[in-house]
Amino acid sequence: MNTAVPIHQLTDYRSFLIAHAEDKKNLNPHWTYGSWAQQLGLKTTSSITKIIKGEREPGSEVTQKLISYFKFNSGQAQYFEDLVRLHKIKKDPRLSVLLMEKMAKDHPNGSIRILDNKTFSIISHWYYLTIREMVRLDQFFEDPKWISKKLHFKVAPKDIKYATKVLLEVGLLKRDKNGALNISQEGRIKTSDDIASEAIKRYHEQMLENAKHVLRNTDVNKREYSSATLALKTSNLSQAKEFVREFKNKFSKTFEEEKGDSVYQIQIQLFPLTKNEGKK
């Protein structure tokens, strides 16, 4: 059973499994972990759900069943096994470094940087950082049902509750002395600007879908869509990208409010419309 997520683009085997499960649910709402467990030949559903939740690591038998299920080639299978092994020994810095050096040598196209499943969830789901920004709202109410109704796009209250829990655990949110949610400046999720990770791709895909919906369903006075088509030299592309990033940062610093009344998303897109095959 092949998956759309390239294993070498992920840095945590659990993130890979979560991404696969989400893809299956999106394609078939009736898909369950129970049916997956049956396909894997596992005796109980808990065998896979405990792995997904981080309550246990897969043993060699389950690891081989997963490799067979995803129809990995030898290189992909080795990379997956190394990711599982790396997660098991990550509390031993010496062994972790040795294994990461081996992985970097054996898999030069891999991203040998641990990205745990909490970080993957925050980056790959658009509503995590939206919930964090909602805490800044002047009339914010910490209730999953209230937050769900406040969002333009459907998110189940149980998912909002879990997202809030994760944001607190990684330090992107905190509670004050009265127990109220507040933005924390200590916790940070940093991603390299040019790393095309699966989590970042998913985040942008979701936001593009949201943008399409808003274009058709939101009053023009409450949105701004504009574009420009231009010819440029690819040798200037890195400078152009830096210019875009500087504008985004300046925009955020200028207009972000500690006590706002709405959460907005700003999207700036720069992408090629033609192929550059070099001069003939």
C-alpha atoms as a PDB file:
ATOM      1  CA  MET A   1       0.000   0.000   0.000  1.00  0.00           C
ATOM      2  CA  ASN A   2       1.898   3.042  -1.232  1.00  0.00           C
ATOM      3  CA  THR A   3       1.451   6.435   0.389  1.00  0.00           C
ATOM      4  CA  ALA A   4       1.657   9.919  -1.080  1.00  0.00           C
ATOM      5  CA  VAL A   5       4.112  10.979   1.649  1.00  0.00           C
ATOM      6  CA  PRO A   6       7.768  10.280   0.671  1.00  0.00           C
ATOM      7  CA  ILE A   7       9.412   8.657   3.685  1.00  0.00           C
ATOM      8  CA  HIS A   8      12.738  10.448   3.043  1.00  0.00           C
ATOM      9  CA  GLN A   9      11.018  13.828   3.425  1.00  0.00           C
ATOM     10  CA  LEU A  10       9.909  13.071   6.979  1.00  0.00           C
ATOM     11  CA  THR A  11      12.114  12.966  10.015  1.00  0.00           C
ATOM     12  CA  ASP A  12       9.983  10.976  12.443  1.00  0.00           C
ATOM     13  CA  TYR A  13       8.393   7.612  11.668  1.00  0.00           C
ATOM     14  CA  ARG A  14       5.342   8.440  13.799  1.00  0.00           C
ATOM     15  CA  SER A  15       4.690  11.597  11.763  1.00  0.00           C
ATOM     16  CA  PHE A  16       4.782   9.396   8.664  1.00  0.00           C
ATOM     17  CA  LEU A  17       2.152   7.024  10.113  1.00  0.00           C
ATOM     18  CA  ILE A  18      -0.063   9.907  11.250  1.00  0.00           C
ATOM     19  CA  ALA A  19       0.131  11.521   7.812  1.00  0.00           C
ATOM     20  CA  HIS A  20      -0.847   8.229   6.177  1.00  0.00           C
ATOM     21  CA  ALA A  21      -3.812   7.758   8.532  1.00  0.00           C
ATOM     22  CA  GLU A  22      -5.044  11.291   7.835  1.00  0.00           C
ATOM     23  CA  ASP A  23      -4.801  10.703   4.081  1.00  0.00           C
ATOM     24  CA  LYS A  24      -6.832   7.499   4.378  1.00  0.00           C
ATOM     25  CA  LYS A  25      -9.520   9.235   6.454  1.00  0.00           C
ATOM     26  CA  ASN A  26      -9.755  12.082   3.957  1.00  0.00           C
ATOM     27  CA  LEU A  27     -10.213   9.619   1.086  1.00  0.00           C
ATOM     28  CA  ASN A  28     -12.624   7.386   2.989  1.00  0.00           C
ATOM     29  CA  PRO A  29     -14.516   8.736   6.050  1.00  0.00           C
ATOM     30  CA  HIS A  30     -15.322   5.129   7.037  1.00  0.00           C
ATOM     31  CA  TRP A  31     -11.649   4.140   7.260  1.00  0.00           C
ATOM     32  CA  THR A  32     -10.615   3.092  10.785  1.00  0.00           C
ATOM     33  CA  TYR A  33      -7.513   2.079  12.679  1.00  0.00           C
ATOM     34  CA  GLY A  34      -9.235  -1.289  13.141  1.00  0.00           C
ATOM     35  CA  SER A  35      -9.289  -1.932   9.403  1.00  0.00           C
ATOM     36  CA  TRP A  36      -5.643  -0.845   9.210  1.00  0.00           C
ATOM     37  CA  ALA A  37      -4.705  -3.238  12.007  1.00  0.00           C
ATOM     38  CA  GLN A  38      -6.398  -6.069  10.089  1.00  0.00           C
ATOM     39  CA  GLN A  39      -4.488  -5.206   6.906  1.00  0.00           C
ATOM     40  CA  LEU A  40      -1.247  -5.222   8.895  1.00  0.00           C
ATOM     41  CA  GLY A  41      -2.098  -8.601  10.372  1.00  0.00           C
ATOM     42  CA  LEU A  42      -2.133  -7.310  13.956  1.00  0.00           C
ATOM     43  CA  LYS A  43      -4.167  -9.079  16.623  1.00  0.00           C
ATOM     44  CA  THR A  44      -5.580  -5.901  18.185  1.00  0.00           C
ATOM     45  CA  THR A  45      -6.282  -2.328  17.085  1.00  0.00           C
ATOM     46  CA  SER A  46      -4.457  -1.025  20.152  1.00  0.00           C
ATOM     47  CA  SER A  47      -1.175  -2.258  18.688  1.00  0.00           C
ATOM     48  CA  ILE A  48      -1.239   0.500  16.066  1.00  0.00           C
ATOM     49  CA  THR A  49      -3.126   3.154  18.051  1.00  0.00           C
ATOM     50  CA  LYS A  50      -0.600   2.989  20.914  1.00  0.00           C
ATOM     51  CA  ILE A  51       2.219   3.491  18.409  1.00  0.00           C
ATOM     52  CA  ILE A  52       0.408   6.458  16.850  1.00  0.00           C
ATOM     53  CA  LYS A  53      -0.188   8.023  20.292  1.00  0.00           C
ATOM     54  CA  GLY A  54       3.441   7.555  21.325  1.00  0.00           C
ATOM     55  CA  GLU A  55       2.588   5.091  24.095  1.00  0.00           C
ATOM     56  CA  ARG A  56       4.872   2.414  22.649  1.00  0.00           C
ATOM     57  CA  GLU A  57       7.431   1.840  19.911  1.00  0.00           C
ATOM     58  CA  PRO A  58       7.004  -0.826  17.217  1.00  0.00           C
ATOM     59  CA  GLY A  59       8.988  -4.010  17.727  1.00  0.00           C
ATOM     60  CA  SER A  60      10.877  -5.684  14.894  1.00  0.00           C
ATOM     61  CA  GLU A  61       7.856  -7.778  13.845  1.00  0.00           C
ATOM     62  CA  VAL A  62       5.490  -4.786  13.614  1.00  0.00           C
ATOM     63  CA  THR A  63       8.195  -2.731  11.890  1.00  0.00           C
ATOM     64  CA  GLN A  64       8.509  -5.408   9.205  1.00  0.00           C
ATOM     65  CA  LYS A  65       4.718  -5.544   8.803  1.00  0.00           C
ATOM     66  CA  LEU A  66       4.664  -1.780   8.234  1.00  0.00           C
ATOM     67  CA  ILE A  67       7.501  -2.016   5.720  1.00  0.00           C
ATOM     68  CA  SER A  68       5.595  -4.719   3.836  1.00  0.00           C
ATOM     69  CA  TYR A  69       2.330  -2.734   4.002  1.00  0.00           C
ATOM     70  CA  PHE A  70       3.910   0.396   2.492  1.00  0.00           C
ATOM     71  CA  LYS A  71       5.828  -1.684  -0.088  1.00  0.00           C
ATOM     72  CA  PHE A  72       9.088   0.104   0.693  1.00  0.00           C
ATOM     73  CA  ASN A  73      12.088  -0.644  -1.480  1.00  0.00           C
ATOM     74  CA  SER A  74      15.309  -1.641   0.295  1.00  0.00           C
ATOM     75  CA  GLY A  75      16.524   1.955   0.724  1.00  0.00           C
ATOM     76  CA  GLN A  76      13.181   3.186   2.037  1.00  0.00           C
ATOM     77  CA  ALA A  77      12.911   0.185   4.372  1.00  0.00           C
ATOM     78  CA  GLN A  78      16.362   0.895   5.825  1.00  0.00           C
ATOM     79  CA  TYR A  79      15.509   4.569   6.315  1.00  0.00           C
ATOM     80  CA  PHE A  80      12.246   3.664   8.084  1.00  0.00           C
ATOM     81  CA  GLU A  81      14.034   1.173  10.342  1.00  0.00           C
ATOM     82  CA  ASP A  82      16.664   3.807  11.180  1.00  0.00           C
ATOM     83  CA  LEU A  83      13.952   6.315  12.108  1.00  0.00           C
ATOM     84  CA  VAL A  84      12.351   3.779  14.454  1.00  0.00           C
ATOM     85  CA  ARG A  85      15.735   2.962  15.978  1.00  0.00           C
ATOM     86  CA  LEU A  86      16.589   6.647  16.348  1.00  0.00           C
ATOM     87  CA  HIS A  87      13.374   7.267  18.255  1.00  0.00           C
ATOM     88  CA  LYS A  88      14.101   4.379  20.611  1.00  0.00           C
ATOM     89  CA  ILE A  89      17.579   5.644  21.536  1.00  0.00           C
ATOM     90  CA  LYS A  90      17.008   9.418  21.384  1.00  0.00           C
ATOM     91  CA  LYS A  91      17.538   9.677  25.169  1.00  0.00           C
ATOM     92  CA  ASP A  92      21.125   8.516  24.636  1.00  0.00           C
ATOM     93  CA  PRO A  93      22.876  11.470  22.923  1.00  0.00           C
ATOM     94  CA  ARG A  94      26.000   9.479  22.044  1.00  0.00           C
ATOM     95  CA  LEU A  95      24.113   6.675  20.270  1.00  0.00           C
ATOM     96  CA  SER A  96      21.749   9.180  18.627  1.00  0.00           C
ATOM     97  CA  VAL A  97      24.631  11.139  17.131  1.00  0.00           C
ATOM     98  CA  LEU A  98      26.290   7.955  15.858  1.00  0.00           C
ATOM     99  CA  LEU A  99      23.070   6.775  14.221  1.00  0.00           C
ATOM    100  CA  MET A 100      22.331  10.197  12.713  1.00  0.00           C
ATOM    101  CA  GLU A 101      25.838  10.268  11.223  1.00  0.00           C
ATOM    102  CA  LYS A 102      25.208   6.831   9.738  1.00  0.00           C
ATOM    103  CA  MET A 103      21.821   7.932   8.364  1.00  0.00           C
ATOM    104  CA  ALA A 104      23.303  11.068   6.818  1.00  0.00           C
ATOM    105  CA  LYS A 105      25.891   8.907   5.061  1.00  0.00           C
ATOM    106  CA  ASP A 106      23.482   6.143   3.988  1.00  0.00           C
ATOM    107  CA  HIS A 107      20.620   8.471   3.032  1.00  0.00           C
ATOM    108  CA  PRO A 108      22.093  11.730   1.638  1.00  0.00           C
ATOM    109  CA  ASN A 109      18.656  12.816   0.379  1.00  0.00           C
ATOM    110  CA  GLY A 110      16.997  12.339   3.747  1.00  0.00           C
ATOM    111  CA  SER A 111      16.189  15.023   6.298  1.00  0.00           C
ATOM    112  CA  ILE A 112      18.065  13.793   9.356  1.00  0.00           C
ATOM    113  CA  ARG A 113      16.460  16.150  11.838  1.00  0.00           C
ATOM    114  CA  ILE A 114      14.037  14.910  14.479  1.00  0.00           C
ATOM    115  CA  LEU A 115      10.577  16.387  13.995  1.00  0.00           C
ATOM    116  CA  ASP A 116       8.303  14.883  16.609  1.00  0.00           C
ATOM    117  CA  ASN A 117       4.614  14.233  16.053  1.00  0.00           C
ATOM    118  CA  LYS A 118       3.539  17.273  18.123  1.00  0.00           C
ATOM    119  CA  THR A 119       5.606  19.608  15.978  1.00  0.00           C
ATOM    120  CA  PHE A 120       4.319  17.850  12.856  1.00  0.00           C
ATOM    121  CA  SER A 121       0.716  18.394  13.991  1.00  0.00           C
ATOM    122  CA  ILE A 122       1.277  22.093  14.726  1.00  0.00           C
ATOM    123  CA  ILE A 123       2.886  22.769  11.362  1.00  0.00           C
ATOM    124  CA  SER A 124       0.641  20.569   9.223  1.00  0.00           C
ATOM    125  CA  HIS A 125      -2.769  21.653  10.595  1.00  0.00           C
ATOM    126  CA  TRP A 126      -3.782  25.220   9.783  1.00  0.00           C
ATOM    127  CA  TYR A 127      -5.960  25.664  12.874  1.00  0.00           C
ATOM    128  CA  TYR A 128      -3.239  25.092  15.520  1.00  0.00           C
ATOM    129  CA  LEU A 129      -1.557  28.456  15.012  1.00  0.00           C
ATOM    130  CA  THR A 130      -4.962  30.046  14.350  1.00  0.00           C
ATOM    131  CA  ILE A 131      -6.124  28.959  17.812  1.00  0.00           C
ATOM    132  CA  ARG A 132      -2.932  30.408  19.285  1.00  0.00           C
ATOM    133  CA  GLU A 133      -3.650  33.763  17.636  1.00  0.00           C
ATOM    134  CA  MET A 134      -7.293  33.652  18.762  1.00  0.00           C
ATOM    135  CA  VAL A 135      -6.061  33.892  22.355  1.00  0.00           C
ATOM    136  CA  ARG A 136      -5.167  37.513  21.502  1.00  0.00           C
ATOM    137  CA  LEU A 137      -8.800  38.348  20.680  1.00  0.00           C
ATOM    138  CA  ASP A 138     -10.436  40.905  22.937  1.00  0.00           C
ATOM    139  CA  GLN A 139     -13.366  38.591  23.701  1.00  0.00           C
ATOM    140  CA  PHE A 140     -11.683  35.192  23.554  1.00  0.00           C
ATOM    141  CA  PHE A 141     -13.505  32.364  25.346  1.00  0.00           C
ATOM    142  CA  GLU A 142     -11.628  29.133  26.066  1.00  0.00           C
ATOM    143  CA  ASP A 143     -14.266  26.649  25.044  1.00  0.00           C
ATOM    144  CA  PRO A 144     -13.753  24.170  22.159  1.00  0.00           C
ATOM    145  CA  LYS A 145     -17.350  24.568  20.973  1.00  0.00           C
ATOM    146  CA  TRP A 146     -17.097  28.384  21.011  1.00  0.00           C
ATOM    147  CA  ILE A 147     -13.796  28.269  19.118  1.00  0.00           C
ATOM    148  CA  SER A 148     -15.252  25.800  16.600  1.00  0.00           C
ATOM    149  CA  LYS A 149     -18.202  28.111  15.875  1.00  0.00           C
ATOM    150  CA  LYS A 150     -15.893  31.117  15.625  1.00  0.00           C
ATOM    151  CA  LEU A 151     -13.749  29.530  12.896  1.00  0.00           C
ATOM    152  CA  HIS A 152     -14.711  30.047   9.243  1.00  0.00           C
ATOM    153  CA  PHE A 153     -13.847  26.433   8.452  1.00  0.00           C
ATOM    154  CA  LYS A 154     -15.067  23.274  10.136  1.00  0.00           C
ATOM    155  CA  VAL A 155     -12.918  21.901  12.955  1.00  0.00           C
ATOM    156  CA  ALA A 156     -14.374  19.476  15.515  1.00  0.00           C
ATOM    157  CA  PRO A 157     -14.319  20.624  19.177  1.00  0.00           C
ATOM    158  CA  LYS A 158     -12.363  17.483  20.159  1.00  0.00           C
ATOM    159  CA  ASP A 159      -9.622  18.440  17.672  1.00  0.00           C
ATOM    160  CA  ILE A 160      -9.554  21.976  19.083  1.00  0.00           C
ATOM    161  CA  LYS A 161      -9.232  20.598  22.610  1.00  0.00           C
ATOM    162  CA  TYR A 162      -6.297  18.410  21.578  1.00  0.00           C
ATOM    163  CA  ALA A 163      -4.654  21.266  19.657  1.00  0.00           C
ATOM    164  CA  THR A 164      -4.847  23.495  22.750  1.00  0.00           C
ATOM    165  CA  LYS A 165      -3.276  20.722  24.835  1.00  0.00           C
ATOM    166  CA  VAL A 166      -0.382  20.364  22.372  1.00  0.00           C
ATOM    167  CA  LEU A 167       0.176  24.133  22.156  1.00  0.00           C
ATOM    168  CA  LEU A 168       0.465  24.222  25.958  1.00  0.00           C
ATOM    169  CA  GLU A 169       2.829  21.234  26.039  1.00  0.00           C
ATOM    170  CA  VAL A 170       5.268  22.738  23.516  1.00  0.00           C
ATOM    171  CA  GLY A 171       5.151  26.160  25.184  1.00  0.00           C
ATOM    172  CA  LEU A 172       3.376  28.155  22.457  1.00  0.00           C
ATOM    173  CA  LEU A 173       0.599  28.858  24.947  1.00  0.00           C
ATOM    174  CA  LYS A 174       0.736  29.223  28.723  1.00  0.00           C
ATOM    175  CA  ARG A 175      -1.660  29.840  31.601  1.00  0.00           C
ATOM    176  CA  ASP A 176      -1.524  32.869  33.863  1.00  0.00           C
ATOM    177  CA  LYS A 177      -1.985  32.740  37.630  1.00  0.00           C
ATOM    178  CA  ASN A 178      -5.760  32.678  37.124  1.00  0.00           C
ATOM    179  CA  GLY A 179      -5.580  29.763  34.700  1.00  0.00           C
ATOM    180  CA  ALA A 180      -6.420  31.827  31.613  1.00  0.00           C
ATOM    181  CA  LEU A 181      -4.676  31.104  28.308  1.00  0.00           C
ATOM    182  CA  ASN A 182      -1.970  33.499  27.172  1.00  0.00           C
ATOM    183  CA  ILE A 183       0.482  33.686  24.299  1.00  0.00           C
ATOM    184  CA  SER A 184       3.932  32.447  25.304  1.00  0.00           C
ATOM    185  CA  GLN A 185       6.983  33.952  23.639  1.00  0.00           C
ATOM    186  CA  GLU A 186       9.258  31.212  24.970  1.00  0.00           C
ATOM    187  CA  GLY A 187       8.085  28.251  22.892  1.00  0.00           C
ATOM    188  CA  ARG A 188       8.953  28.457  19.198  1.00  0.00           C
ATOM    189  CA  ILE A 189       8.489  26.289  16.131  1.00  0.00           C
ATOM    190  CA  LYS A 190      11.218  27.160  13.643  1.00  0.00           C
ATOM    191  CA  THR A 191      11.373  25.691  10.165  1.00  0.00           C
ATOM    192  CA  SER A 192      14.057  26.375   7.579  1.00  0.00           C
ATOM    193  CA  ASP A 193      12.675  28.696   4.918  1.00  0.00           C
ATOM    194  CA  ASP A 194      13.611  26.447   2.013  1.00  0.00           C
ATOM    195  CA  ILE A 195      13.018  22.981   3.546  1.00  0.00           C
ATOM    196  CA  ALA A 196      10.109  21.416   1.627  1.00  0.00           C
ATOM    197  CA  SER A 197       8.956  19.241   4.523  1.00  0.00           C
ATOM    198  CA  GLU A 198       5.702  17.298   4.339  1.00  0.00           C
ATOM    199  CA  ALA A 199       4.272  19.223   7.299  1.00  0.00           C
ATOM    200  CA  ILE A 200       4.891  22.627   5.682  1.00  0.00           C
ATOM    201  CA  LYS A 201       3.424  21.430   2.385  1.00  0.00           C
ATOM    202  CA  ARG A 202       0.254  20.300   4.126  1.00  0.00           C
ATOM    203  CA  TYR A 203      -0.096  23.603   5.975  1.00  0.00           C
ATOM    204  CA  HIS A 204       0.138  25.628   2.764  1.00  0.00           C
ATOM    205  CA  GLU A 205      -2.208  23.259   0.906  1.00  0.00           C
ATOM    206  CA  GLN A 206      -4.858  23.729   3.596  1.00  0.00           C
ATOM    207  CA  MET A 207      -4.451  27.502   3.620  1.00  0.00           C
ATOM    208  CA  LEU A 208      -4.740  27.644  -0.179  1.00  0.00           C
ATOM    209  CA  GLU A 209      -8.007  25.698   0.051  1.00  0.00           C
ATOM    210  CA  ASN A 210      -9.217  28.148   2.709  1.00  0.00           C
ATOM    211  CA  ALA A 211      -8.246  31.062   0.469  1.00  0.00           C
ATOM    212  CA  LYS A 212     -10.292  29.606  -2.409  1.00  0.00           C
ATOM    213  CA  HIS A 213     -13.337  29.348  -0.145  1.00  0.00           C
ATOM    214  CA  VAL A 214     -12.969  32.916   1.143  1.00  0.00           C
ATOM    215  CA  LEU A 215     -12.630  34.258  -2.406  1.00  0.00           C
ATOM    216  CA  ARG A 216     -16.135  33.018  -3.214  1.00  0.00           C
ATOM    217  CA  ASN A 217     -17.861  33.428   0.135  1.00  0.00           C
ATOM    218  CA  THR A 218     -16.503  36.541   1.873  1.00  0.00           C
ATOM    219  CA  ASP A 219     -17.402  40.161   1.191  1.00  0.00           C
ATOM    220  CA  VAL A 220     -14.736  41.977  -0.827  1.00  0.00           C
ATOM    221  CA  ASN A 221     -14.489  44.650   1.890  1.00  0.00           C
ATOM    222  CA  LYS A 222     -13.202  41.985   4.300  1.00  0.00           C
ATOM    223  CA  ARG A 223     -10.496  40.528   2.070  1.00  0.00           C
ATOM    224  CA  GLU A 224      -7.746  41.576  -0.331  1.00  0.00           C
ATOM    225  CA  TYR A 225      -6.645  39.454  -3.282  1.00  0.00           C
ATOM    226  CA  SER A 226      -4.160  40.824  -5.779  1.00  0.00           C
ATOM    227  CA  SER A 227      -1.522  39.428  -8.094  1.00  0.00           C
ATOM    228  CA  ALA A 228       1.111  40.469 -10.628  1.00  0.00           C
ATOM    229  CA  THR A 229       2.670  38.577 -13.501  1.00  0.00           C
ATOM    230  CA  LEU A 230       6.220  39.595 -14.363  1.00  0.00           C
ATOM    231  CA  ALA A 231       9.377  38.401 -16.057  1.00  0.00           C
ATOM    232  CA  LEU A 232      12.480  38.165 -13.890  1.00  0.00           C
ATOM    233  CA  LYS A 233      15.927  36.613 -13.867  1.00  0.00           C
ATOM    234  CA  THR A 234      16.199  33.413 -11.839  1.00  0.00           C
ATOM    235  CA  SER A 235      19.609  34.630 -10.664  1.00  0.00           C
ATOM    236  CA  ASN A 236      17.704  37.292  -8.672  1.00  0.00           C
ATOM    237  CA  LEU A 237      15.249  34.806  -7.158  1.00  0.00           C
ATOM    238  CA  SER A 238      16.966  34.494  -3.769  1.00  0.00           C
ATOM    239  CA  GLN A 239      16.909  38.296  -3.439  1.00  0.00           C
ATOM    240  CA  ALA A 240      13.244  38.387  -4.449  1.00  0.00           C
ATOM    241  CA  LYS A 241      12.360  35.743  -1.841  1.00  0.00           C
ATOM    242  CA  GLU A 242      14.195  37.684   0.856  1.00  0.00           C
ATOM    243  CA  PHE A 243      12.269  40.811  -0.156  1.00  0.00           C
ATOM    244  CA  VAL A 244       8.978  38.900   0.268  1.00  0.00           C
ATOM    245  CA  ARG A 245      10.027  37.601   3.703  1.00  0.00           C
ATOM    246  CA  GLU A 246      11.027  41.065   4.885  1.00  0.00           C
ATOM    247  CA  PHE A 247       7.651  42.453   3.779  1.00  0.00           C
ATOM    248  CA  LYS A 248       5.794  39.659   5.614  1.00  0.00           C
ATOM    249  CA  ASN A 249       7.715  40.321   8.835  1.00  0.00           C
ATOM    250  CA  LYS A 250       7.212  44.093   8.580  1.00  0.00           C
ATOM    251  CA  PHE A 251       3.495  43.632   7.882  1.00  0.00           C
ATOM    252  CA  SER A 252       3.080  41.377  10.942  1.00  0.00           C
ATOM    253  CA  LYS A 253       4.956  43.749  13.256  1.00  0.00           C
ATOM    254  CA  THR A 254       2.917  46.726  12.011  1.00  0.00           C
ATOM    255  CA  PHE A 255      -0.600  45.292  12.189  1.00  0.00           C
ATOM    256  CA  GLU A 256      -0.591  42.494  14.768  1.00  0.00           C
ATOM    257  CA  GLU A 257      -2.604  43.521  17.842  1.00  0.00           C
ATOM    258  CA  GLU A 258      -2.414  42.085  21.333  1.00  0.00           C
ATOM    259  CA  LYS A 259      -6.200  42.528  21.647  1.00  0.00           C
ATOM    260  CA  GLY A 260      -7.639  42.173  18.140  1.00  0.00           C
ATOM    261  CA  ASP A 261     -11.178  41.310  17.063  1.00  0.00           C
ATOM    262  CA  SER A 262     -10.386  38.861  14.199  1.00  0.00           C
ATOM    263  CA  VAL A 263      -7.621  36.480  13.134  1.00  0.00           C
ATOM    264  CA  TYR A 264      -6.412  36.927   9.548  1.00  0.00           C
ATOM    265  CA  GLN A 265      -4.038  34.999   7.287  1.00  0.00           C
ATOM    266  CA  ILE A 266      -1.699  36.856   4.931  1.00  0.00           C
ATOM    267  CA  GLN A 267      -0.491  34.860   1.936  1.00  0.00           C
ATOM    268  CA  ILE A 268       2.239  36.025  -0.420  1.00  0.00           C
ATOM    269  CA  GLN A 269       2.920  33.686  -3.327  1.00  0.00           C
ATOM    270  CA  LEU A 270       5.832  33.786  -5.721  1.00  0.00           C
ATOM    271  CA  PHE A 271       6.009  30.876  -8.143  1.00  0.00           C
ATOM    272  CA  PRO A 272       7.058  30.180 -11.762  1.00  0.00           C
ATOM    273  CA  LEU A 273       4.499  30.151 -14.581  1.00  0.00           C
ATOM    274  CA  THR A 274       7.014  29.029 -17.206  1.00  0.00           C
ATOM    275  CA  LYS A 275       9.758  26.430 -17.415  1.00  0.00           C
ATOM    276  CA  ASN A 276      13.350  27.556 -17.355  1.00  0.00           C
ATOM    277  CA  GLU A 277      15.324  25.094 -19.463  1.00  0.00           C
ATOM    278  CA  GLY A 278      18.289  27.349 -20.085  1.00  0.00           C
ATOM    279  CA  LYS A 279      19.380  29.140 -23.210  1.00  0.00           C
ATOM    280  CA  LYS A 280      19.530  27.248 -26.505  1.00  0.00           C
END
